[in-house]
Amino acid sequence: MNSKRVTIGLCVWLLGIWLAACAASPPIQEMSDARQAIAAAELADAEQLAPQTLGEARRYLLQAEERIREGNYSLARGDAIRARTRAIYALQASQAANQPVEN
């Protein structure tokens, strides 16, 4: 019974260490994804067709970069994900605006 408790305690401790390591690493992939989504939206003319949404994406990306400089990786990760999401919305809005109207 005692060894089972030790094993469970060790598993919980290892899980905590793993989660802390994930939160402590810079959001490299998320930042890259956000930058690529913003670039795609820009190529689709989102600057003209969805300027507010594209602007929000850029602001989230800048905020993520600032949080990385501060070492706050978990908040930076969230901002990078929000930047990517807003950029995708801007891209979709641009693509919809460029669709021919069907009669």
PDB file of N, CA and C in Angstrom:
ATOM      1  N   MET A   1       0.825  -1.188   0.000  1.00  0.00           N
ATOM      2  CA  MET A   1       0.000   0.000   0.000  1.00  0.00           C
ATOM      3  C   MET A   1       0.869   1.250   0.000  1.00  0.00           C
ATOM      4  N   ASN A   2       1.930   1.220   0.793  1.00  0.00           N
ATOM      5  CA  ASN A   2       2.818   2.372   0.890  1.00  0.00           C
ATOM      6  C   ASN A   2       3.566   2.610  -0.415  1.00  0.00           C
ATOM      7  N   SER A   3       3.977   1.553  -1.099  1.00  0.00           N
ATOM      8  CA  SER A   3       4.684   1.720  -2.377  1.00  0.00           C
ATOM      9  C   SER A   3       3.757   2.276  -3.451  1.00  0.00           C
ATOM     10  N   LYS A   4       2.479   1.930  -3.372  1.00  0.00           N
ATOM     11  CA  LYS A   4       1.514   2.467  -4.324  1.00  0.00           C
ATOM     12  C   LYS A   4       1.373   3.979  -4.123  1.00  0.00           C
ATOM     13  N   ARG A   5       1.352   4.411  -2.896  1.00  0.00           N
ATOM     14  CA  ARG A   5       1.250   5.838  -2.589  1.00  0.00           C
ATOM     15  C   ARG A   5       2.496   6.579  -3.073  1.00  0.00           C
ATOM     16  N   VAL A   6       3.656   5.989  -2.910  1.00  0.00           N
ATOM     17  CA  VAL A   6       4.897   6.592  -3.371  1.00  0.00           C
ATOM     18  C   VAL A   6       4.906   6.683  -4.897  1.00  0.00           C
ATOM     19  N   THR A   7       4.451   5.649  -5.563  1.00  0.00           N
ATOM     20  CA  THR A   7       4.400   5.638  -7.029  1.00  0.00           C
ATOM     21  C   THR A   7       3.455   6.718  -7.548  1.00  0.00           C
ATOM     22  N   ILE A   8       2.294   6.831  -6.938  1.00  0.00           N
ATOM     23  CA  ILE A   8       1.340   7.866  -7.351  1.00  0.00           C
ATOM     24  C   ILE A   8       1.935   9.249  -7.098  1.00  0.00           C
ATOM     25  N   GLY A   9       2.555   9.435  -5.954  1.00  0.00           N
ATOM     26  CA  GLY A   9       3.184  10.715  -5.638  1.00  0.00           C
ATOM     27  C   GLY A   9       4.271  11.068  -6.641  1.00  0.00           C
ATOM     28  N   LEU A  10       5.068  10.087  -7.025  1.00  0.00           N
ATOM     29  CA  LEU A  10       6.127  10.305  -8.000  1.00  0.00           C
ATOM     30  C   LEU A  10       5.551  10.673  -9.361  1.00  0.00           C
ATOM     31  N   CYS A  11       4.463  10.006  -9.763  1.00  0.00           N
ATOM     32  CA  CYS A  11       3.823  10.320 -11.045  1.00  0.00           C
ATOM     33  C   CYS A  11       3.266  11.740 -11.045  1.00  0.00           C
ATOM     34  N   VAL A  12       2.634  12.130  -9.956  1.00  0.00           N
ATOM     35  CA  VAL A  12       2.096  13.488  -9.858  1.00  0.00           C
ATOM     36  C   VAL A  12       3.237  14.502  -9.903  1.00  0.00           C
ATOM     37  N   TRP A  13       4.319  14.223  -9.213  1.00  0.00           N
ATOM     38  CA  TRP A  13       5.472  15.124  -9.205  1.00  0.00           C
ATOM     39  C   TRP A  13       6.068  15.255 -10.607  1.00  0.00           C
ATOM     40  N   LEU A  14       6.222  14.143 -11.314  1.00  0.00           N
ATOM     41  CA  LEU A  14       6.766  14.168 -12.674  1.00  0.00           C
ATOM     42  C   LEU A  14       5.831  14.918 -13.626  1.00  0.00           C
ATOM     43  N   LEU A  15       4.542  14.730 -13.465  1.00  0.00           N
ATOM     44  CA  LEU A  15       3.581  15.460 -14.279  1.00  0.00           C
ATOM     45  C   LEU A  15       3.711  16.962 -14.037  1.00  0.00           C
ATOM     46  N   GLY A  16       3.875  17.356 -12.797  1.00  0.00           N
ATOM     47  CA  GLY A  16       4.063  18.771 -12.466  1.00  0.00           C
ATOM     48  C   GLY A  16       5.326  19.337 -13.090  1.00  0.00           C
ATOM     49  N   ILE A  17       6.398  18.595 -13.044  1.00  0.00           N
ATOM     50  CA  ILE A  17       7.663  19.029 -13.649  1.00  0.00           C
ATOM     51  C   ILE A  17       7.495  19.172 -15.158  1.00  0.00           C
ATOM     52  N   TRP A  18       6.831  18.208 -15.773  1.00  0.00           N
ATOM     53  CA  TRP A  18       6.608  18.249 -17.219  1.00  0.00           C
ATOM     54  C   TRP A  18       5.767  19.461 -17.599  1.00  0.00           C
ATOM     55  N   LEU A  19       4.697  19.731 -16.859  1.00  0.00           N
ATOM     56  CA  LEU A  19       3.855  20.894 -17.159  1.00  0.00           C
ATOM     57  C   LEU A  19       4.620  22.196 -16.971  1.00  0.00           C
ATOM     58  N   ALA A  20       5.432  22.273 -15.944  1.00  0.00           N
ATOM     59  CA  ALA A  20       6.231  23.474 -15.722  1.00  0.00           C
ATOM     60  C   ALA A  20       7.237  23.674 -16.855  1.00  0.00           C
ATOM     61  N   ALA A  21       7.815  22.605 -17.338  1.00  0.00           N
ATOM     62  CA  ALA A  21       8.771  22.707 -18.443  1.00  0.00           C
ATOM     63  C   ALA A  21       8.083  23.195 -19.714  1.00  0.00           C
ATOM     64  N   CYS A  22       6.864  22.738 -19.954  1.00  0.00           N
ATOM     65  CA  CYS A  22       6.130  23.197 -21.136  1.00  0.00           C
ATOM     66  C   CYS A  22       5.825  24.684 -21.041  1.00  0.00           C
ATOM     67  N   ALA A  23       5.427  25.124 -19.886  1.00  0.00           N
ATOM     68  CA  ALA A  23       5.101  26.540 -19.697  1.00  0.00           C
ATOM     69  C   ALA A  23       6.354  27.404 -19.705  1.00  0.00           C
ATOM     70  N   ALA A  24       7.492  26.837 -19.382  1.00  0.00           N
ATOM     71  CA  ALA A  24       8.723  27.610 -19.265  1.00  0.00           C
ATOM     72  C   ALA A  24       9.481  27.720 -20.579  1.00  0.00           C
ATOM     73  N   SER A  25       9.023  27.060 -21.610  1.00  0.00           N
ATOM     74  CA  SER A  25       9.733  27.139 -22.880  1.00  0.00           C
ATOM     75  C   SER A  25       9.099  28.215 -23.763  1.00  0.00           C
ATOM     76  N   PRO A  26       9.919  28.924 -24.527  1.00  0.00           N
ATOM     77  CA  PRO A  26       9.393  29.974 -25.399  1.00  0.00           C
ATOM     78  C   PRO A  26       8.431  29.393 -26.440  1.00  0.00           C
ATOM     79  N   PRO A  27       7.389  30.124 -26.793  1.00  0.00           N
ATOM     80  CA  PRO A  27       6.402  29.624 -27.756  1.00  0.00           C
ATOM     81  C   PRO A  27       6.875  29.806 -29.198  1.00  0.00           C
ATOM     82  N   ILE A  28       7.927  29.117 -29.558  1.00  0.00           N
ATOM     83  CA  ILE A  28       8.549  29.284 -30.873  1.00  0.00           C
ATOM     84  C   ILE A  28       7.584  28.930 -31.997  1.00  0.00           C
ATOM     85  N   GLN A  29       6.947  27.773 -31.898  1.00  0.00           N
ATOM     86  CA  GLN A  29       6.046  27.341 -32.969  1.00  0.00           C
ATOM     87  C   GLN A  29       4.840  28.270 -33.076  1.00  0.00           C
ATOM     88  N   GLU A  30       4.292  28.676 -31.943  1.00  0.00           N
ATOM     89  CA  GLU A  30       3.126  29.556 -31.949  1.00  0.00           C
ATOM     90  C   GLU A  30       3.462  30.909 -32.567  1.00  0.00           C
ATOM     91  N   MET A  31       4.641  31.428 -32.281  1.00  0.00           N
ATOM     92  CA  MET A  31       5.068  32.706 -32.861  1.00  0.00           C
ATOM     93  C   MET A  31       5.228  32.564 -34.373  1.00  0.00           C
ATOM     94  N   SER A  32       5.831  31.472 -34.802  1.00  0.00           N
ATOM     95  CA  SER A  32       6.010  31.231 -36.233  1.00  0.00           C
ATOM     96  C   SER A  32       4.662  31.109 -36.933  1.00  0.00           C
ATOM     97  N   ASP A  33       3.748  30.375 -36.323  1.00  0.00           N
ATOM     98  CA  ASP A  33       2.417  30.214 -36.909  1.00  0.00           C
ATOM     99  C   ASP A  33       1.718  31.563 -37.048  1.00  0.00           C
ATOM    100  N   ALA A  34       1.834  32.399 -36.024  1.00  0.00           N
ATOM    101  CA  ALA A  34       1.195  33.721 -36.058  1.00  0.00           C
ATOM    102  C   ALA A  34       1.796  34.581 -37.160  1.00  0.00           C
ATOM    103  N   ARG A  35       3.104  34.586 -37.272  1.00  0.00           N
ATOM    104  CA  ARG A  35       3.761  35.394 -38.311  1.00  0.00           C
ATOM    105  C   ARG A  35       3.347  34.924 -39.707  1.00  0.00           C
ATOM    106  N   GLN A  36       3.287  33.620 -39.910  1.00  0.00           N
ATOM    107  CA  GLN A  36       2.899  33.083 -41.212  1.00  0.00           C
ATOM    108  C   GLN A  36       1.448  33.421 -41.542  1.00  0.00           C
ATOM    109  N   ALA A  37       0.570  33.351 -40.547  1.00  0.00           N
ATOM    110  CA  ALA A  37      -0.838  33.681 -40.782  1.00  0.00           C
ATOM    111  C   ALA A  37      -0.997  35.158 -41.114  1.00  0.00           C
ATOM    112  N   ILE A  38      -0.248  36.011 -40.435  1.00  0.00           N
ATOM    113  CA  ILE A  38      -0.305  37.447 -40.731  1.00  0.00           C
ATOM    114  C   ILE A  38       0.213  37.715 -42.135  1.00  0.00           C
ATOM    115  N   ALA A  39       1.299  37.069 -42.507  1.00  0.00           N
ATOM    116  CA  ALA A  39       1.842  37.247 -43.862  1.00  0.00           C
ATOM    117  C   ALA A  39       0.844  36.791 -44.924  1.00  0.00           C
ATOM    118  N   ALA A  40       0.171  35.682 -44.673  1.00  0.00           N
ATOM    119  CA  ALA A  40      -0.832  35.195 -45.630  1.00  0.00           C
ATOM    120  C   ALA A  40      -1.992  36.178 -45.748  1.00  0.00           C
ATOM    121  N   ALA A  41      -2.413  36.737 -44.625  1.00  0.00           N
ATOM    122  CA  ALA A  41      -3.501  37.725 -44.650  1.00  0.00           C
ATOM    123  C   ALA A  41      -3.067  38.972 -45.411  1.00  0.00           C
ATOM    124  N   GLU A  42      -1.835  39.381 -45.218  1.00  0.00           N
ATOM    125  CA  GLU A  42      -1.324  40.553 -45.942  1.00  0.00           C
ATOM    126  C   GLU A  42      -1.304  40.298 -47.446  1.00  0.00           C
ATOM    127  N   LEU A  43      -0.899  39.096 -47.851  1.00  0.00           N
ATOM    128  CA  LEU A  43      -0.883  38.752 -49.269  1.00  0.00           C
ATOM    129  C   LEU A  43      -2.287  38.726 -49.871  1.00  0.00           C
ATOM    130  N   ALA A  44      -3.271  38.461 -49.033  1.00  0.00           N
ATOM    131  CA  ALA A  44      -4.658  38.418 -49.499  1.00  0.00           C
ATOM    132  C   ALA A  44      -5.320  39.792 -49.425  1.00  0.00           C
ATOM    133  N   ASP A  45      -4.502  40.827 -49.211  1.00  0.00           N
ATOM    134  CA  ASP A  45      -4.977  42.212 -49.176  1.00  0.00           C
ATOM    135  C   ASP A  45      -5.854  42.522 -47.971  1.00  0.00           C
ATOM    136  N   ALA A  46      -5.580  41.876 -46.845  1.00  0.00           N
ATOM    137  CA  ALA A  46      -6.349  42.128 -45.622  1.00  0.00           C
ATOM    138  C   ALA A  46      -6.129  43.542 -45.102  1.00  0.00           C
ATOM    139  N   GLU A  47      -5.027  44.159 -45.478  1.00  0.00           N
ATOM    140  CA  GLU A  47      -4.780  45.547 -45.064  1.00  0.00           C
ATOM    141  C   GLU A  47      -5.912  46.453 -45.546  1.00  0.00           C
ATOM    142  N   GLN A  48      -6.440  46.161 -46.730  1.00  0.00           N
ATOM    143  CA  GLN A  48      -7.539  46.949 -47.291  1.00  0.00           C
ATOM    144  C   GLN A  48      -8.913  46.365 -46.967  1.00  0.00           C
ATOM    145  N   LEU A  49      -8.998  45.037 -46.949  1.00  0.00           N
ATOM    146  CA  LEU A  49     -10.296  44.382 -46.841  1.00  0.00           C
ATOM    147  C   LEU A  49     -10.700  44.013 -45.415  1.00  0.00           C
ATOM    148  N   ALA A  50      -9.750  43.884 -44.508  1.00  0.00           N
ATOM    149  CA  ALA A  50     -10.041  43.551 -43.100  1.00  0.00           C
ATOM    150  C   ALA A  50      -9.013  44.226 -42.199  1.00  0.00           C
ATOM    151  N   PRO A  51      -8.883  45.551 -42.294  1.00  0.00           N
ATOM    152  CA  PRO A  51      -7.810  46.244 -41.574  1.00  0.00           C
ATOM    153  C   PRO A  51      -7.904  46.136 -40.052  1.00  0.00           C
ATOM    154  N   GLN A  52      -9.110  46.157 -39.509  1.00  0.00           N
ATOM    155  CA  GLN A  52      -9.244  46.094 -38.050  1.00  0.00           C
ATOM    156  C   GLN A  52      -8.795  44.731 -37.520  1.00  0.00           C
ATOM    157  N   THR A  53      -9.231  43.680 -38.158  1.00  0.00           N
ATOM    158  CA  THR A  53      -8.876  42.332 -37.719  1.00  0.00           C
ATOM    159  C   THR A  53      -7.388  42.078 -37.890  1.00  0.00           C
ATOM    160  N   LEU A  54      -6.827  42.521 -38.996  1.00  0.00           N
ATOM    161  CA  LEU A  54      -5.389  42.369 -39.212  1.00  0.00           C
ATOM    162  C   LEU A  54      -4.616  43.180 -38.181  1.00  0.00           C
ATOM    163  N   GLY A  55      -5.098  44.371 -37.874  1.00  0.00           N
ATOM    164  CA  GLY A  55      -4.453  45.196 -36.845  1.00  0.00           C
ATOM    165  C   GLY A  55      -4.464  44.520 -35.483  1.00  0.00           C
ATOM    166  N   GLU A  56      -5.571  43.853 -35.157  1.00  0.00           N
ATOM    167  CA  GLU A  56      -5.645  43.119 -33.894  1.00  0.00           C
ATOM    168  C   GLU A  56      -4.612  41.992 -33.872  1.00  0.00           C
ATOM    169  N   ALA A  57      -4.472  41.296 -34.986  1.00  0.00           N
ATOM    170  CA  ALA A  57      -3.490  40.213 -35.072  1.00  0.00           C
ATOM    171  C   ALA A  57      -2.081  40.751 -34.842  1.00  0.00           C
ATOM    172  N   ARG A  58      -1.782  41.868 -35.459  1.00  0.00           N
ATOM    173  CA  ARG A  58      -0.451  42.466 -35.290  1.00  0.00           C
ATOM    174  C   ARG A  58      -0.218  42.903 -33.846  1.00  0.00           C
ATOM    175  N   ARG A  59      -1.245  43.475 -33.222  1.00  0.00           N
ATOM    176  CA  ARG A  59      -1.097  43.912 -31.822  1.00  0.00           C
ATOM    177  C   ARG A  59      -0.855  42.726 -30.895  1.00  0.00           C
ATOM    178  N   TYR A  60      -1.589  41.639 -31.111  1.00  0.00           N
ATOM    179  CA  TYR A  60      -1.356  40.444 -30.295  1.00  0.00           C
ATOM    180  C   TYR A  60       0.059  39.907 -30.496  1.00  0.00           C
ATOM    181  N   LEU A  61       0.541  39.944 -31.725  1.00  0.00           N
ATOM    182  CA  LEU A  61       1.891  39.466 -31.984  1.00  0.00           C
ATOM    183  C   LEU A  61       2.926  40.343 -31.276  1.00  0.00           C
ATOM    184  N   LEU A  62       2.757  41.650 -31.360  1.00  0.00           N
ATOM    185  CA  LEU A  62       3.671  42.553 -30.653  1.00  0.00           C
ATOM    186  C   LEU A  62       3.629  42.321 -29.152  1.00  0.00           C
ATOM    187  N   GLN A  63       2.432  42.106 -28.628  1.00  0.00           N
ATOM    188  CA  GLN A  63       2.296  41.841 -27.198  1.00  0.00           C
ATOM    189  C   GLN A  63       2.988  40.530 -26.828  1.00  0.00           C
ATOM    190  N   ALA A  64       2.861  39.522 -27.680  1.00  0.00           N
ATOM    191  CA  ALA A  64       3.530  38.243 -27.438  1.00  0.00           C
ATOM    192  C   ALA A  64       5.049  38.426 -27.424  1.00  0.00           C
ATOM    193  N   GLU A  65       5.564  39.213 -28.365  1.00  0.00           N
ATOM    194  CA  GLU A  65       7.008  39.472 -28.403  1.00  0.00           C
ATOM    195  C   GLU A  65       7.478  40.165 -27.128  1.00  0.00           C
ATOM    196  N   GLU A  66       6.691  41.107 -26.638  1.00  0.00           N
ATOM    197  CA  GLU A  66       7.040  41.805 -25.396  1.00  0.00           C
ATOM    198  C   GLU A  66       7.027  40.835 -24.213  1.00  0.00           C
ATOM    199  N   ARG A  67       6.066  39.985 -24.163  1.00  0.00           N
ATOM    200  CA  ARG A  67       5.981  39.024 -23.057  1.00  0.00           C
ATOM    201  C   ARG A  67       7.125  38.011 -23.106  1.00  0.00           C
ATOM    202  N   ILE A  68       7.587  37.690 -24.295  1.00  0.00           N
ATOM    203  CA  ILE A  68       8.755  36.808 -24.396  1.00  0.00           C
ATOM    204  C   ILE A  68       9.976  37.516 -23.820  1.00  0.00           C
ATOM    205  N   ARG A  69      10.141  38.791 -24.154  1.00  0.00           N
ATOM    206  CA  ARG A  69      11.280  39.546 -23.602  1.00  0.00           C
ATOM    207  C   ARG A  69      11.218  39.597 -22.072  1.00  0.00           C
ATOM    208  N   GLU A  70      10.002  39.610 -21.533  1.00  0.00           N
ATOM    209  CA  GLU A  70       9.818  39.629 -20.081  1.00  0.00           C
ATOM    210  C   GLU A  70       9.976  38.240 -19.469  1.00  0.00           C
ATOM    211  N   GLY A  71      10.017  37.218 -20.306  1.00  0.00           N
ATOM    212  CA  GLY A  71      10.139  35.848 -19.812  1.00  0.00           C
ATOM    213  C   GLY A  71       8.813  35.219 -19.435  1.00  0.00           C
ATOM    214  N   ASN A  72       7.708  35.845 -19.805  1.00  0.00           N
ATOM    215  CA  ASN A  72       6.388  35.323 -19.480  1.00  0.00           C
ATOM    216  C   ASN A  72       5.875  34.502 -20.661  1.00  0.00           C
ATOM    217  N   TYR A  73       6.383  33.285 -20.762  1.00  0.00           N
ATOM    218  CA  TYR A  73       6.134  32.458 -21.934  1.00  0.00           C
ATOM    219  C   TYR A  73       4.695  31.967 -22.039  1.00  0.00           C
ATOM    220  N   SER A  74       4.055  31.686 -20.925  1.00  0.00           N
ATOM    221  CA  SER A  74       2.685  31.174 -21.015  1.00  0.00           C
ATOM    222  C   SER A  74       1.742  32.255 -21.548  1.00  0.00           C
ATOM    223  N   LEU A  75       1.887  33.492 -21.103  1.00  0.00           N
ATOM    224  CA  LEU A  75       1.057  34.573 -21.639  1.00  0.00           C
ATOM    225  C   LEU A  75       1.432  34.877 -23.092  1.00  0.00           C
ATOM    226  N   ALA A  76       2.708  34.787 -23.410  1.00  0.00           N
ATOM    227  CA  ALA A  76       3.154  35.007 -24.789  1.00  0.00           C
ATOM    228  C   ALA A  76       2.545  33.957 -25.712  1.00  0.00           C
ATOM    229  N   ARG A  77       2.501  32.728 -25.242  1.00  0.00           N
ATOM    230  CA  ARG A  77       1.910  31.649 -26.047  1.00  0.00           C
ATOM    231  C   ARG A  77       0.442  31.965 -26.347  1.00  0.00           C
ATOM    232  N   GLY A  78      -0.299  32.395 -25.356  1.00  0.00           N
ATOM    233  CA  GLY A  78      -1.702  32.742 -25.560  1.00  0.00           C
ATOM    234  C   GLY A  78      -1.873  33.891 -26.541  1.00  0.00           C
ATOM    235  N   ASP A  79      -1.027  34.914 -26.414  1.00  0.00           N
ATOM    236  CA  ASP A  79      -1.105  36.047 -27.335  1.00  0.00           C
ATOM    237  C   ASP A  79      -0.756  35.628 -28.759  1.00  0.00           C
ATOM    238  N   ALA A  80       0.225  34.753 -28.909  1.00  0.00           N
ATOM    239  CA  ALA A  80       0.602  34.284 -30.247  1.00  0.00           C
ATOM    240  C   ALA A  80      -0.541  33.489 -30.875  1.00  0.00           C
ATOM    241  N   ILE A  81      -1.208  32.685 -30.090  1.00  0.00           N
ATOM    242  CA  ILE A  81      -2.347  31.917 -30.600  1.00  0.00           C
ATOM    243  C   ILE A  81      -3.479  32.869 -30.998  1.00  0.00           C
ATOM    244  N   ARG A  82      -3.723  33.886 -30.184  1.00  0.00           N
ATOM    245  CA  ARG A  82      -4.748  34.876 -30.533  1.00  0.00           C
ATOM    246  C   ARG A  82      -4.366  35.638 -31.809  1.00  0.00           C
ATOM    247  N   ALA A  83      -3.087  35.964 -31.957  1.00  0.00           N
ATOM    248  CA  ALA A  83      -2.622  36.657 -33.168  1.00  0.00           C
ATOM    249  C   ALA A  83      -2.881  35.798 -34.392  1.00  0.00           C
ATOM    250  N   ARG A  84      -2.566  34.533 -34.310  1.00  0.00           N
ATOM    251  CA  ARG A  84      -2.793  33.617 -35.434  1.00  0.00           C
ATOM    252  C   ARG A  84      -4.276  33.525 -35.763  1.00  0.00           C
ATOM    253  N   THR A  85      -5.101  33.397 -34.742  1.00  0.00           N
ATOM    254  CA  THR A  85      -6.538  33.283 -34.948  1.00  0.00           C
ATOM    255  C   THR A  85      -7.100  34.535 -35.620  1.00  0.00           C
ATOM    256  N   ARG A  86      -6.696  35.711 -35.140  1.00  0.00           N
ATOM    257  CA  ARG A  86      -7.181  36.957 -35.743  1.00  0.00           C
ATOM    258  C   ARG A  86      -6.689  37.086 -37.181  1.00  0.00           C
ATOM    259  N   ALA A  87      -5.458  36.676 -37.446  1.00  0.00           N
ATOM    260  CA  ALA A  87      -4.928  36.734 -38.808  1.00  0.00           C
ATOM    261  C   ALA A  87      -5.704  35.805 -39.732  1.00  0.00           C
ATOM    262  N   ILE A  88      -6.082  34.654 -39.236  1.00  0.00           N
ATOM    263  CA  ILE A  88      -6.885  33.728 -40.047  1.00  0.00           C
ATOM    264  C   ILE A  88      -8.242  34.350 -40.348  1.00  0.00           C
ATOM    265  N   TYR A  89      -8.839  35.014 -39.356  1.00  0.00           N
ATOM    266  CA  TYR A  89     -10.117  35.702 -39.601  1.00  0.00           C
ATOM    267  C   TYR A  89      -9.946  36.787 -40.672  1.00  0.00           C
ATOM    268  N   ALA A  90      -8.854  37.523 -40.590  1.00  0.00           N
ATOM    269  CA  ALA A  90      -8.597  38.573 -41.589  1.00  0.00           C
ATOM    270  C   ALA A  90      -8.416  37.959 -42.972  1.00  0.00           C
ATOM    271  N   LEU A  91      -7.702  36.864 -43.049  1.00  0.00           N
ATOM    272  CA  LEU A  91      -7.515  36.164 -44.319  1.00  0.00           C
ATOM    273  C   LEU A  91      -8.854  35.694 -44.880  1.00  0.00           C
ATOM    274  N   GLN A  92      -9.672  35.088 -44.034  1.00  0.00           N
ATOM    275  CA  GLN A  92     -10.970  34.605 -44.482  1.00  0.00           C
ATOM    276  C   GLN A  92     -11.867  35.757 -44.952  1.00  0.00           C
ATOM    277  N   ALA A  93     -11.824  36.874 -44.232  1.00  0.00           N
ATOM    278  CA  ALA A  93     -12.624  38.033 -44.630  1.00  0.00           C
ATOM    279  C   ALA A  93     -12.155  38.565 -45.978  1.00  0.00           C
ATOM    280  N   SER A  94     -10.855  38.584 -46.186  1.00  0.00           N
ATOM    281  CA  SER A  94     -10.310  39.046 -47.461  1.00  0.00           C
ATOM    282  C   SER A  94     -10.705  38.116 -48.595  1.00  0.00           C
ATOM    283  N   GLN A  95     -10.630  36.840 -48.350  1.00  0.00           N
ATOM    284  CA  GLN A  95     -11.006  35.869 -49.379  1.00  0.00           C
ATOM    285  C   GLN A  95     -12.492  35.971 -49.703  1.00  0.00           C
ATOM    286  N   ALA A  96     -13.312  36.170 -48.687  1.00  0.00           N
ATOM    287  CA  ALA A  96     -14.757  36.303 -48.918  1.00  0.00           C
ATOM    288  C   ALA A  96     -15.061  37.575 -49.711  1.00  0.00           C
ATOM    289  N   ALA A  97     -14.344  38.641 -49.420  1.00  0.00           N
ATOM    290  CA  ALA A  97     -14.564  39.897 -50.137  1.00  0.00           C
ATOM    291  C   ALA A  97     -14.139  39.790 -51.595  1.00  0.00           C
ATOM    292  N   ASN A  98     -13.207  38.905 -51.878  1.00  0.00           N
ATOM    293  CA  ASN A  98     -12.722  38.734 -53.254  1.00  0.00           C
ATOM    294  C   ASN A  98     -13.515  37.729 -54.063  1.00  0.00           C
ATOM    295  N   GLN A  99     -14.494  37.063 -53.430  1.00  0.00           N
ATOM    296  CA  GLN A  99     -15.304  36.077 -54.137  1.00  0.00           C
ATOM    297  C   GLN A  99     -16.279  36.800 -55.075  1.00  0.00           C
ATOM    298  N   PRO A 100     -16.424  36.287 -56.280  1.00  0.00           N
ATOM    299  CA  PRO A 100     -17.412  36.890 -57.188  1.00  0.00           C
ATOM    300  C   PRO A 100     -18.821  36.665 -56.656  1.00  0.00           C
ATOM    301  N   VAL A 101     -19.669  37.631 -56.885  1.00  0.00           N
ATOM    302  CA  VAL A 101     -21.058  37.538 -56.448  1.00  0.00           C
ATOM    303  C   VAL A 101     -21.821  36.693 -57.460  1.00  0.00           C
ATOM    304  N   GLU A 102     -22.526  35.681 -56.957  1.00  0.00           N
ATOM    305  CA  GLU A 102     -23.304  34.802 -57.837  1.00  0.00           C
ATOM    306  C   GLU A 102     -24.737  35.310 -57.895  1.00  0.00           C
ATOM    307  N   ASN A 103     -25.307  35.297 -59.077  1.00  0.00           N
ATOM    308  CA  ASN A 103     -26.710  35.719 -59.256  1.00  0.00           C
ATOM    309  C   ASN A 103     -27.601  34.545 -59.463  1.00  0.00           C
TER     310      ASN A 103
END
